[in-house]
PDB file of N, CA and C in Angstrom:
ATOM      1  N   GLN A   1      80.390 124.985  66.653  1.00  0.00           N
ATOM      2  CA  GLN A   1      81.211 124.707  67.797  1.00  0.00           C
ATOM      3  C   GLN A   1      80.402 124.223  68.997  1.00  0.00           C
ATOM      4  N   TRP A   2      79.181 124.759  69.171  1.00  0.00           N
ATOM      5  CA  TRP A   2      78.378 124.398  70.334  1.00  0.00           C
ATOM      6  C   TRP A   2      78.132 122.893  70.396  1.00  0.00           C
ATOM      7  N   ASN A   3      77.970 122.240  69.257  1.00  0.00           N
ATOM      8  CA  ASN A   3      77.737 120.794  69.256  1.00  0.00           C
ATOM      9  C   ASN A   3      78.952 120.005  69.741  1.00  0.00           C
ATOM     10  N   ASN A   4      80.127 120.630  69.746  1.00  0.00           N
ATOM     11  CA  ASN A   4      81.347 119.979  70.232  1.00  0.00           C
ATOM     12  C   ASN A   4      81.787 120.511  71.597  1.00  0.00           C
ATOM     13  N   THR A   5      80.904 121.247  72.250  1.00  0.00           N
ATOM     14  CA  THR A   5      81.226 121.858  73.537  1.00  0.00           C
ATOM     15  C   THR A   5      80.444 121.189  74.656  1.00  0.00           C
ATOM     16  N   VAL A   6      81.138 120.853  75.742  1.00  0.00           N
ATOM     17  CA  VAL A   6      80.493 120.334  76.950  1.00  0.00           C
ATOM     18  C   VAL A   6      81.036 121.133  78.129  1.00  0.00           C
ATOM     19  N   VAL A   7      80.135 121.667  78.921  1.00  0.00           N
ATOM     20  CA  VAL A   7      80.485 122.408  80.127  1.00  0.00           C
ATOM     21  C   VAL A   7      79.989 121.596  81.317  1.00  0.00           C
ATOM     22  N   VAL A   8      80.866 121.361  82.286  1.00  0.00           N
ATOM     23  CA  VAL A   8      80.498 120.611  83.489  1.00  0.00           C
ATOM     24  C   VAL A   8      80.733 121.514  84.694  1.00  0.00           C
ATOM     25  N   VAL A   9      79.705 121.690  85.502  1.00  0.00           N
ATOM     26  CA  VAL A   9      79.812 122.464  86.736  1.00  0.00           C
ATOM     27  C   VAL A   9      79.851 121.464  87.887  1.00  0.00           C
ATOM     28  N   VAL A  10      80.971 121.443  88.609  1.00  0.00           N
ATOM     29  CA  VAL A  10      81.209 120.458  89.663  1.00  0.00           C
ATOM     30  C   VAL A  10      81.692 121.182  90.919  1.00  0.00           C
ATOM     31  N   SER A  11      81.250 120.708  92.053  1.00  0.00           N
ATOM     32  CA  SER A  11      81.813 121.135  93.332  1.00  0.00           C
ATOM     33  C   SER A  11      82.366 119.897  94.020  1.00  0.00           C
ATOM     34  N   GLU A  12      83.504 120.028  94.670  1.00  0.00           N
ATOM     35  CA  GLU A  12      84.115 118.859  95.300  1.00  0.00           C
ATOM     36  C   GLU A  12      83.461 118.515  96.632  1.00  0.00           C
ATOM     37  N   PHE A  13      82.523 119.309  97.089  1.00  0.00           N
ATOM     38  CA  PHE A  13      81.785 118.957  98.299  1.00  0.00           C
ATOM     39  C   PHE A  13      80.299 119.217  98.077  1.00  0.00           C
ATOM     40  N   GLY A  14      79.500 118.481  98.794  1.00  0.00           N
ATOM     41  CA  GLY A  14      78.055 118.645  98.714  1.00  0.00           C
ATOM     42  C   GLY A  14      77.544 119.467  99.875  1.00  0.00           C
ATOM     43  N   ARG A  15      76.286 119.290 100.158  1.00  0.00           N
ATOM     44  CA  ARG A  15      75.637 119.999 101.254  1.00  0.00           C
ATOM     45  C   ARG A  15      74.856 119.021 102.105  1.00  0.00           C
ATOM     46  N   THR A  16      74.692 119.374 103.372  1.00  0.00           N
ATOM     47  CA  THR A  16      73.896 118.528 104.254  1.00  0.00           C
ATOM     48  C   THR A  16      72.425 118.623 103.880  1.00  0.00           C
ATOM     49  N   PHE A  17      71.693 117.603 104.247  1.00  0.00           N
ATOM     50  CA  PHE A  17      70.269 117.511 103.950  1.00  0.00           C
ATOM     51  C   PHE A  17      69.461 118.473 104.817  1.00  0.00           C
ATOM     52  N   ARG A  18      69.862 118.594 106.068  1.00  0.00           N
ATOM     53  CA  ARG A  18      69.101 119.403 107.021  1.00  0.00           C
ATOM     54  C   ARG A  18      69.727 120.783 107.199  1.00  0.00           C
ATOM     55  N   GLU A  19      68.894 121.714 107.572  1.00  0.00           N
ATOM     56  CA  GLU A  19      69.302 123.073 107.876  1.00  0.00           C
ATOM     57  C   GLU A  19      70.156 123.097 109.141  1.00  0.00           C
ATOM     58  N   ASN A  20      71.144 123.987 109.190  1.00  0.00           N
ATOM     59  CA  ASN A  20      71.939 124.143 110.409  1.00  0.00           C
ATOM     60  C   ASN A  20      71.337 125.255 111.275  1.00  0.00           C
ATOM     61  N   GLY A  21      72.001 125.616 112.359  1.00  0.00           N
ATOM     62  CA  GLY A  21      71.486 126.624 113.283  1.00  0.00           C
ATOM     63  C   GLY A  21      71.392 128.018 112.697  1.00  0.00           C
ATOM     64  N   ASN A  22      72.061 128.270 111.598  1.00  0.00           N
ATOM     65  CA  ASN A  22      72.025 129.583 110.939  1.00  0.00           C
ATOM     66  C   ASN A  22      71.066 129.618 109.759  1.00  0.00           C
ATOM     67  N   ARG A  23      70.226 128.596 109.645  1.00  0.00           N
ATOM     68  CA  ARG A  23      69.240 128.464 108.565  1.00  0.00           C
ATOM     69  C   ARG A  23      69.902 128.247 107.204  1.00  0.00           C
ATOM     70  N   GLY A  24      71.114 127.739 107.219  1.00  0.00           N
ATOM     71  CA  GLY A  24      71.826 127.359 106.003  1.00  0.00           C
ATOM     72  C   GLY A  24      72.110 125.871 106.046  1.00  0.00           C
ATOM     73  N   THR A  25      73.097 125.442 105.288  1.00  0.00           N
ATOM     74  CA  THR A  25      73.525 124.045 105.327  1.00  0.00           C
ATOM     75  C   THR A  25      75.038 123.997 105.460  1.00  0.00           C
ATOM     76  N   ASP A  26      75.537 122.873 105.932  1.00  0.00           N
ATOM     77  CA  ASP A  26      76.971 122.677 106.103  1.00  0.00           C
ATOM     78  C   ASP A  26      77.532 121.862 104.941  1.00  0.00           C
ATOM     79  N   HIS A  27      78.870 121.807 104.866  1.00  0.00           N
ATOM     80  CA  HIS A  27      79.504 120.958 103.850  1.00  0.00           C
ATOM     81  C   HIS A  27      79.080 119.519 104.080  1.00  0.00           C
ATOM     82  N   GLY A  28      78.839 118.817 102.984  1.00  0.00           N
ATOM     83  CA  GLY A  28      78.413 117.431 103.065  1.00  0.00           C
ATOM     84  C   GLY A  28      79.146 116.581 102.052  1.00  0.00           C
ATOM     85  N   HIS A  29      78.554 115.470 101.670  1.00  0.00           N
ATOM     86  CA  HIS A  29      79.194 114.521 100.758  1.00  0.00           C
ATOM     87  C   HIS A  29      78.589 114.557  99.356  1.00  0.00           C
ATOM     88  N   GLY A  30      77.386 114.061  99.181  1.00  0.00           N
ATOM     89  CA  GLY A  30      76.773 113.977  97.860  1.00  0.00           C
ATOM     90  C   GLY A  30      76.454 115.348  97.286  1.00  0.00           C
ATOM     91  N   SER A  31      76.432 115.441  95.976  1.00  0.00           N
ATOM     92  CA  SER A  31      76.214 116.719  95.303  1.00  0.00           C
ATOM     93  C   SER A  31      75.534 116.482  93.966  1.00  0.00           C
ATOM     94  N   ALA A  32      75.174 117.560  93.321  1.00  0.00           N
ATOM     95  CA  ALA A  32      74.623 117.498  91.961  1.00  0.00           C
ATOM     96  C   ALA A  32      75.614 118.174  91.017  1.00  0.00           C
ATOM     97  N   TYR A  33      75.669 117.709  89.785  1.00  0.00           N
ATOM     98  CA  TYR A  33      76.547 118.296  88.773  1.00  0.00           C
ATOM     99  C   TYR A  33      75.687 118.748  87.607  1.00  0.00           C
ATOM    100  N   TRP A  34      76.045 119.851  87.012  1.00  0.00           N
ATOM    101  CA  TRP A  34      75.356 120.328  85.820  1.00  0.00           C
ATOM    102  C   TRP A  34      76.234 120.026  84.622  1.00  0.00           C
ATOM    103  N   VAL A  35      75.641 119.436  83.592  1.00  0.00           N
ATOM    104  CA  VAL A  35      76.353 119.128  82.356  1.00  0.00           C
ATOM    105  C   VAL A  35      75.532 119.718  81.219  1.00  0.00           C
ATOM    106  N   LEU A  36      76.142 120.598  80.427  1.00  0.00           N
ATOM    107  CA  LEU A  36      75.408 121.232  79.344  1.00  0.00           C
ATOM    108  C   LEU A  36      76.284 121.372  78.113  1.00  0.00           C
ATOM    109  N   GLY A  37      75.646 121.478  76.979  1.00  0.00           N
ATOM    110  CA  GLY A  37      76.350 121.633  75.719  1.00  0.00           C
ATOM    111  C   GLY A  37      75.504 121.133  74.574  1.00  0.00           C
ATOM    112  N   GLY A  38      75.915 121.467  73.365  1.00  0.00           N
ATOM    113  CA  GLY A  38      75.145 121.099  72.186  1.00  0.00           C
ATOM    114  C   GLY A  38      75.028 119.609  71.959  1.00  0.00           C
ATOM    115  N   GLY A  39      76.047 118.846  72.352  1.00  0.00           N
ATOM    116  CA  GLY A  39      76.020 117.405  72.143  1.00  0.00           C
ATOM    117  C   GLY A  39      75.543 116.608  73.348  1.00  0.00           C
ATOM    118  N   VAL A  40      75.120 117.297  74.406  1.00  0.00           N
ATOM    119  CA  VAL A  40      74.687 116.614  75.627  1.00  0.00           C
ATOM    120  C   VAL A  40      73.265 116.093  75.450  1.00  0.00           C
ATOM    121  N   LYS A  41      73.073 114.847  75.852  1.00  0.00           N
ATOM    122  CA  LYS A  41      71.733 114.242  75.841  1.00  0.00           C
ATOM    123  C   LYS A  41      71.056 114.653  77.140  1.00  0.00           C
ATOM    124  N   GLY A  42      70.501 115.849  77.130  1.00  0.00           N
ATOM    125  CA  GLY A  42      69.989 116.463  78.349  1.00  0.00           C
ATOM    126  C   GLY A  42      68.489 116.349  78.527  1.00  0.00           C
ATOM    127  N   GLY A  43      67.971 117.291  79.298  1.00  0.00           N
ATOM    128  CA  GLY A  43      66.547 117.322  79.583  1.00  0.00           C
ATOM    129  C   GLY A  43      66.112 116.256  80.571  1.00  0.00           C
ATOM    130  N   ARG A  44      67.045 115.766  81.382  1.00  0.00           N
ATOM    131  CA  ARG A  44      66.737 114.668  82.301  1.00  0.00           C
ATOM    132  C   ARG A  44      67.725 114.675  83.457  1.00  0.00           C
ATOM    133  N   ILE A  45      67.423 113.881  84.447  1.00  0.00           N
ATOM    134  CA  ILE A  45      68.358 113.629  85.535  1.00  0.00           C
ATOM    135  C   ILE A  45      69.063 112.326  85.203  1.00  0.00           C
ATOM    136  N   ALA A  46      70.386 112.345  85.180  1.00  0.00           N
ATOM    137  CA  ALA A  46      71.166 111.161  84.801  1.00  0.00           C
ATOM    138  C   ALA A  46      71.918 110.623  86.008  1.00  0.00           C
ATOM    139  N   GLY A  47      72.277 109.360  85.950  1.00  0.00           N
ATOM    140  CA  GLY A  47      73.032 108.740  87.030  1.00  0.00           C
ATOM    141  C   GLY A  47      72.127 108.197  88.114  1.00  0.00           C
ATOM    142  N   GLU A  48      72.759 107.592  89.107  1.00  0.00           N
ATOM    143  CA  GLU A  48      71.999 107.018  90.219  1.00  0.00           C
ATOM    144  C   GLU A  48      71.349 108.120  91.043  1.00  0.00           C
ATOM    145  N   GLN A  49      70.196 107.811  91.592  1.00  0.00           N
ATOM    146  CA  GLN A  49      69.448 108.753  92.424  1.00  0.00           C
ATOM    147  C   GLN A  49      69.159 108.111  93.771  1.00  0.00           C
ATOM    148  N   VAL A  50      68.847 108.932  94.735  1.00  0.00           N
ATOM    149  CA  VAL A  50      68.454 108.451  96.051  1.00  0.00           C
ATOM    150  C   VAL A  50      67.147 109.150  96.428  1.00  0.00           C
ATOM    151  N   GLU A  51      66.280 108.426  97.115  1.00  0.00           N
ATOM    152  CA  GLU A  51      65.052 109.043  97.602  1.00  0.00           C
ATOM    153  C   GLU A  51      65.405 110.091  98.640  1.00  0.00           C
ATOM    154  N   LEU A  52      64.675 111.180  98.626  1.00  0.00           N
ATOM    155  CA  LEU A  52      64.917 112.243  99.595  1.00  0.00           C
ATOM    156  C   LEU A  52      64.160 111.926 100.878  1.00  0.00           C
ATOM    157  N   LYS A  53      64.758 111.057 101.663  1.00  0.00           N
ATOM    158  CA  LYS A  53      64.170 110.677 102.950  1.00  0.00           C
ATOM    159  C   LYS A  53      65.299 110.379 103.924  1.00  0.00           C
ATOM    160  N   ALA A  54      64.999 110.485 105.196  1.00  0.00           N
ATOM    161  CA  ALA A  54      66.023 110.334 106.234  1.00  0.00           C
ATOM    162  C   ALA A  54      66.739 108.995 106.158  1.00  0.00           C
ATOM    163  N   ALA A  55      66.040 107.933 105.820  1.00  0.00           N
ATOM    164  CA  ALA A  55      66.649 106.598 105.780  1.00  0.00           C
ATOM    165  C   ALA A  55      67.732 106.482 104.714  1.00  0.00           C
ATOM    166  N   ALA A  56      67.739 107.354 103.718  1.00  0.00           N
ATOM    167  CA  ALA A  56      68.714 107.286 102.629  1.00  0.00           C
ATOM    168  C   ALA A  56      69.963 108.124 102.900  1.00  0.00           C
ATOM    169  N   LEU A  57      69.991 108.845 104.002  1.00  0.00           N
ATOM    170  CA  LEU A  57      71.103 109.748 104.274  1.00  0.00           C
ATOM    171  C   LEU A  57      72.367 109.009 104.693  1.00  0.00           C
ATOM    172  N   PHE A  58      73.513 109.573 104.322  1.00  0.00           N
ATOM    173  CA  PHE A  58      74.825 109.076 104.739  1.00  0.00           C
ATOM    174  C   PHE A  58      75.137 109.694 106.100  1.00  0.00           C
ATOM    175  N   GLN A  59      75.466 108.891 107.075  1.00  0.00           N
ATOM    176  CA  GLN A  59      75.763 109.335 108.437  1.00  0.00           C
ATOM    177  C   GLN A  59      74.622 110.167 109.030  1.00  0.00           C
ATOM    178  N   ASN A  60      73.409 109.879 108.586  1.00  0.00           N
ATOM    179  CA  ASN A  60      72.197 110.548 109.064  1.00  0.00           C
ATOM    180  C   ASN A  60      72.224 112.064 108.854  1.00  0.00           C
ATOM    181  N   ARG A  61      73.011 112.536 107.869  1.00  0.00           N
ATOM    182  CA  ARG A  61      73.074 113.983 107.665  1.00  0.00           C
ATOM    183  C   ARG A  61      73.262 114.417 106.215  1.00  0.00           C
ATOM    184  N   ASP A  62      73.875 113.562 105.376  1.00  0.00           N
ATOM    185  CA  ASP A  62      74.249 113.979 104.024  1.00  0.00           C
ATOM    186  C   ASP A  62      73.601 113.110 102.957  1.00  0.00           C
ATOM    187  N   TYR A  63      73.537 113.683 101.772  1.00  0.00           N
ATOM    188  CA  TYR A  63      73.231 112.860 100.604  1.00  0.00           C
ATOM    189  C   TYR A  63      74.441 111.955 100.365  1.00  0.00           C
ATOM    190  N   PRO A  64      74.246 110.688 100.042  1.00  0.00           N
ATOM    191  CA  PRO A  64      75.397 109.829  99.759  1.00  0.00           C
ATOM    192  C   PRO A  64      76.003 110.164  98.391  1.00  0.00           C
ATOM    193  N   VAL A  65      77.278 109.856  98.219  1.00  0.00           N
ATOM    194  CA  VAL A  65      77.932 110.041  96.921  1.00  0.00           C
ATOM    195  C   VAL A  65      77.599 108.823  96.067  1.00  0.00           C
ATOM    196  N   LEU A  66      76.780 109.015  95.056  1.00  0.00           N
ATOM    197  CA  LEU A  66      76.398 107.926  94.157  1.00  0.00           C
ATOM    198  C   LEU A  66      77.058 108.069  92.795  1.00  0.00           C
ATOM    199  N   ASN A  67      77.377 109.289  92.422  1.00  0.00           N
ATOM    200  CA  ASN A  67      77.981 109.587  91.121  1.00  0.00           C
ATOM    201  C   ASN A  67      79.230 110.431  91.383  1.00  0.00           C
ATOM    202  N   GLU A  68      80.352 109.757  91.570  1.00  0.00           N
ATOM    203  CA  GLU A  68      81.596 110.416  91.928  1.00  0.00           C
ATOM    204  C   GLU A  68      82.083 111.277  90.756  1.00  0.00           C
ATOM    205  N   TYR A  69      82.495 112.506  91.041  1.00  0.00           N
ATOM    206  CA  TYR A  69      82.781 113.452  89.961  1.00  0.00           C
ATOM    207  C   TYR A  69      83.928 113.016  89.057  1.00  0.00           C
ATOM    208  N   ARG A  70      84.966 112.363  89.583  1.00  0.00           N
ATOM    209  CA  ARG A  70      86.073 111.907  88.728  1.00  0.00           C
ATOM    210  C   ARG A  70      85.615 110.799  87.787  1.00  0.00           C
ATOM    211  N   ALA A  71      84.706 109.947  88.261  1.00  0.00           N
ATOM    212  CA  ALA A  71      84.152 108.891  87.408  1.00  0.00           C
ATOM    213  C   ALA A  71      83.294 109.499  86.306  1.00  0.00           C
ATOM    214  N   LEU A  72      82.497 110.508  86.654  1.00  0.00           N
ATOM    215  CA  LEU A  72      81.665 111.204  85.667  1.00  0.00           C
ATOM    216  C   LEU A  72      82.532 111.871  84.603  1.00  0.00           C
ATOM    217  N   LEU A  73      83.544 112.633  85.046  1.00  0.00           N
ATOM    218  CA  LEU A  73      84.430 113.306  84.088  1.00  0.00           C
ATOM    219  C   LEU A  73      85.205 112.296  83.250  1.00  0.00           C
ATOM    220  N   GLY A  74      85.667 111.218  83.869  1.00  0.00           N
ATOM    221  CA  GLY A  74      86.375 110.174  83.124  1.00  0.00           C
ATOM    222  C   GLY A  74      85.507 109.573  82.035  1.00  0.00           C
ATOM    223  N   GLY A  75      84.241 109.320  82.343  1.00  0.00           N
ATOM    224  CA  GLY A  75      83.314 108.790  81.341  1.00  0.00           C
ATOM    225  C   GLY A  75      83.104 109.763  80.194  1.00  0.00           C
ATOM    226  N   LEU A  76      82.991 111.045  80.518  1.00  0.00           N
ATOM    227  CA  LEU A  76      82.849 112.059  79.469  1.00  0.00           C
ATOM    228  C   LEU A  76      84.107 112.139  78.613  1.00  0.00           C
ATOM    229  N   PHE A  77      85.285 112.140  79.248  1.00  0.00           N
ATOM    230  CA  PHE A  77      86.543 112.237  78.504  1.00  0.00           C
ATOM    231  C   PHE A  77      86.761 111.018  77.616  1.00  0.00           C
ATOM    232  N   ARG A  78      86.368 109.863  78.102  1.00  0.00           N
ATOM    233  CA  ARG A  78      86.496 108.648  77.286  1.00  0.00           C
ATOM    234  C   ARG A  78      85.644 108.789  76.025  1.00  0.00           C
ATOM    235  N   ARG A  79      84.403 109.213  76.173  1.00  0.00           N
ATOM    236  CA  ARG A  79      83.494 109.329  75.025  1.00  0.00           C
ATOM    237  C   ARG A  79      83.899 110.468  74.087  1.00  0.00           C
ATOM    238  N   MET A  80      84.285 111.595  74.647  1.00  0.00           N
ATOM    239  CA  MET A  80      84.567 112.768  73.826  1.00  0.00           C
ATOM    240  C   MET A  80      85.937 112.715  73.158  1.00  0.00           C
ATOM    241  N   TYR A  81      86.946 112.222  73.881  1.00  0.00           N
ATOM    242  CA  TYR A  81      88.321 112.281  73.391  1.00  0.00           C
ATOM    243  C   TYR A  81      88.933 110.919  73.120  1.00  0.00           C
ATOM    244  N   GLY A  82      88.190 109.850  73.377  1.00  0.00           N
ATOM    245  CA  GLY A  82      88.689 108.502  73.121  1.00  0.00           C
ATOM    246  C   GLY A  82      89.813 108.070  74.052  1.00  0.00           C
ATOM    247  N   LEU A  83      89.866 108.630  75.262  1.00  0.00           N
ATOM    248  CA  LEU A  83      90.937 108.270  76.188  1.00  0.00           C
ATOM    249  C   LEU A  83      90.763 106.838  76.685  1.00  0.00           C
ATOM    250  N   ASN A  84      91.877 106.128  76.835  1.00  0.00           N
ATOM    251  CA  ASN A  84      91.826 104.752  77.347  1.00  0.00           C
ATOM    252  C   ASN A  84      92.022 104.757  78.869  1.00  0.00           C
ATOM    253  N   ASP A  85      91.960 103.573  79.476  1.00  0.00           N
ATOM    254  CA  ASP A  85      92.056 103.465  80.936  1.00  0.00           C
ATOM    255  C   ASP A  85      93.362 104.036  81.482  1.00  0.00           C
ATOM    256  N   ALA A  86      94.475 103.765  80.815  1.00  0.00           N
ATOM    257  CA  ALA A  86      95.774 104.261  81.286  1.00  0.00           C
ATOM    258  C   ALA A  86      95.823 105.789  81.240  1.00  0.00           C
ATOM    259  N   GLN A  87      95.309 106.370  80.171  1.00  0.00           N
ATOM    260  CA  GLN A  87      95.288 107.829  80.065  1.00  0.00           C
ATOM    261  C   GLN A  87      94.386 108.440  81.134  1.00  0.00           C
ATOM    262  N   LEU A  88      93.219 107.834  81.336  1.00  0.00           N
ATOM    263  CA  LEU A  88      92.301 108.342  82.357  1.00  0.00           C
ATOM    264  C   LEU A  88      92.899 108.214  83.752  1.00  0.00           C
ATOM    265  N   ALA A  89      93.630 107.118  84.007  1.00  0.00           N
ATOM    266  CA  ALA A  89      94.252 106.909  85.318  1.00  0.00           C
ATOM    267  C   ALA A  89      95.317 107.958  85.607  1.00  0.00           C
ATOM    268  N   SER A  90      95.963 108.475  84.568  1.00  0.00           N
ATOM    269  CA  SER A  90      96.968 109.514  84.793  1.00  0.00           C
ATOM    270  C   SER A  90      96.318 110.851  85.153  1.00  0.00           C
ATOM    271  N   VAL A  91      95.077 111.052  84.719  1.00  0.00           N
ATOM    272  CA  VAL A  91      94.347 112.282  85.032  1.00  0.00           C
ATOM    273  C   VAL A  91      93.584 112.136  86.348  1.00  0.00           C
ATOM    274  N   PHE A  92      92.943 110.987  86.538  1.00  0.00           N
ATOM    275  CA  PHE A  92      92.118 110.720  87.723  1.00  0.00           C
ATOM    276  C   PHE A  92      92.578 109.425  88.394  1.00  0.00           C
ATOM    277  N   PRO A  93      93.714 109.437  89.099  1.00  0.00           N
ATOM    278  CA  PRO A  93      94.219 108.207  89.722  1.00  0.00           C
ATOM    279  C   PRO A  93      93.191 107.586  90.673  1.00  0.00           C
ATOM    280  N   GLY A  94      93.012 106.284  90.552  1.00  0.00           N
ATOM    281  CA  GLY A  94      92.118 105.561  91.448  1.00  0.00           C
ATOM    282  C   GLY A  94      90.649 105.632  91.100  1.00  0.00           C
ATOM    283  N   ALA A  95      90.285 106.434  90.129  1.00  0.00           N
ATOM    284  CA  ALA A  95      88.871 106.558  89.747  1.00  0.00           C
ATOM    285  C   ALA A  95      88.557 105.592  88.610  1.00  0.00           C
ATOM    286  N   SER A  96      87.341 105.137  88.562  1.00  0.00           N
ATOM    287  CA  SER A  96      86.871 104.281  87.467  1.00  0.00           C
ATOM    288  C   SER A  96      85.902 105.085  86.617  1.00  0.00           C
ATOM    289  N   ALA A  97      86.263 105.301  85.356  1.00  0.00           N
ATOM    290  CA  ALA A  97      85.409 106.079  84.460  1.00  0.00           C
ATOM    291  C   ALA A  97      84.031 105.440  84.372  1.00  0.00           C
ATOM    292  N   ARG A  98      83.013 106.268  84.371  1.00  0.00           N
ATOM    293  CA  ARG A  98      81.644 105.779  84.329  1.00  0.00           C
ATOM    294  C   ARG A  98      80.876 106.541  83.259  1.00  0.00           C
ATOM    295  N   ASP A  99      80.437 105.836  82.250  1.00  0.00           N
ATOM    296  CA  ASP A  99      79.664 106.441  81.168  1.00  0.00           C
ATOM    297  C   ASP A  99      78.185 106.357  81.527  1.00  0.00           C
ATOM    298  N   ILE A 100      77.565 107.495  81.781  1.00  0.00           N
ATOM    299  CA  ILE A 100      76.136 107.496  82.106  1.00  0.00           C
ATOM    300  C   ILE A 100      75.301 108.063  80.959  1.00  0.00           C
ATOM    301  N   GLY A 101      75.874 108.004  79.753  1.00  0.00           N
ATOM    302  CA  GLY A 101      75.120 108.354  78.559  1.00  0.00           C
ATOM    303  C   GLY A 101      74.802 109.824  78.394  1.00  0.00           C
ATOM    304  N   LEU A 102      75.730 110.690  78.782  1.00  0.00           N
ATOM    305  CA  LEU A 102      75.483 112.126  78.659  1.00  0.00           C
ATOM    306  C   LEU A 102      75.826 112.674  77.283  1.00  0.00           C
ATOM    307  N   VAL A 103      76.784 112.034  76.596  1.00  0.00           N
ATOM    308  CA  VAL A 103      77.151 112.493  75.246  1.00  0.00           C
ATOM    309  C   VAL A 103      77.157 111.314  74.307  1.00  0.00           C
TER     310      VAL A 103
END
């Protein structure tokens, strides 16, 4: 069963790049997602990346959204379940499925 299992850990908001006044971070835009399972081509960072420097920040405070979570999930669902564009659009309206080679 593990080879047919994929677990995705997603948060709908990211975190700011810089520390706030309480030595924490505030809600931001870009985020990281964890994808694991027996059939996952893991052991790497997948998708677009951004350099960790001030010039790459969105609105001078956040990581930019480069790998939108609905596109990531749509790409996984297409590969795993054979869903077509119309089916994916009913689950994730307005999103474009993106296959980044995770399964």
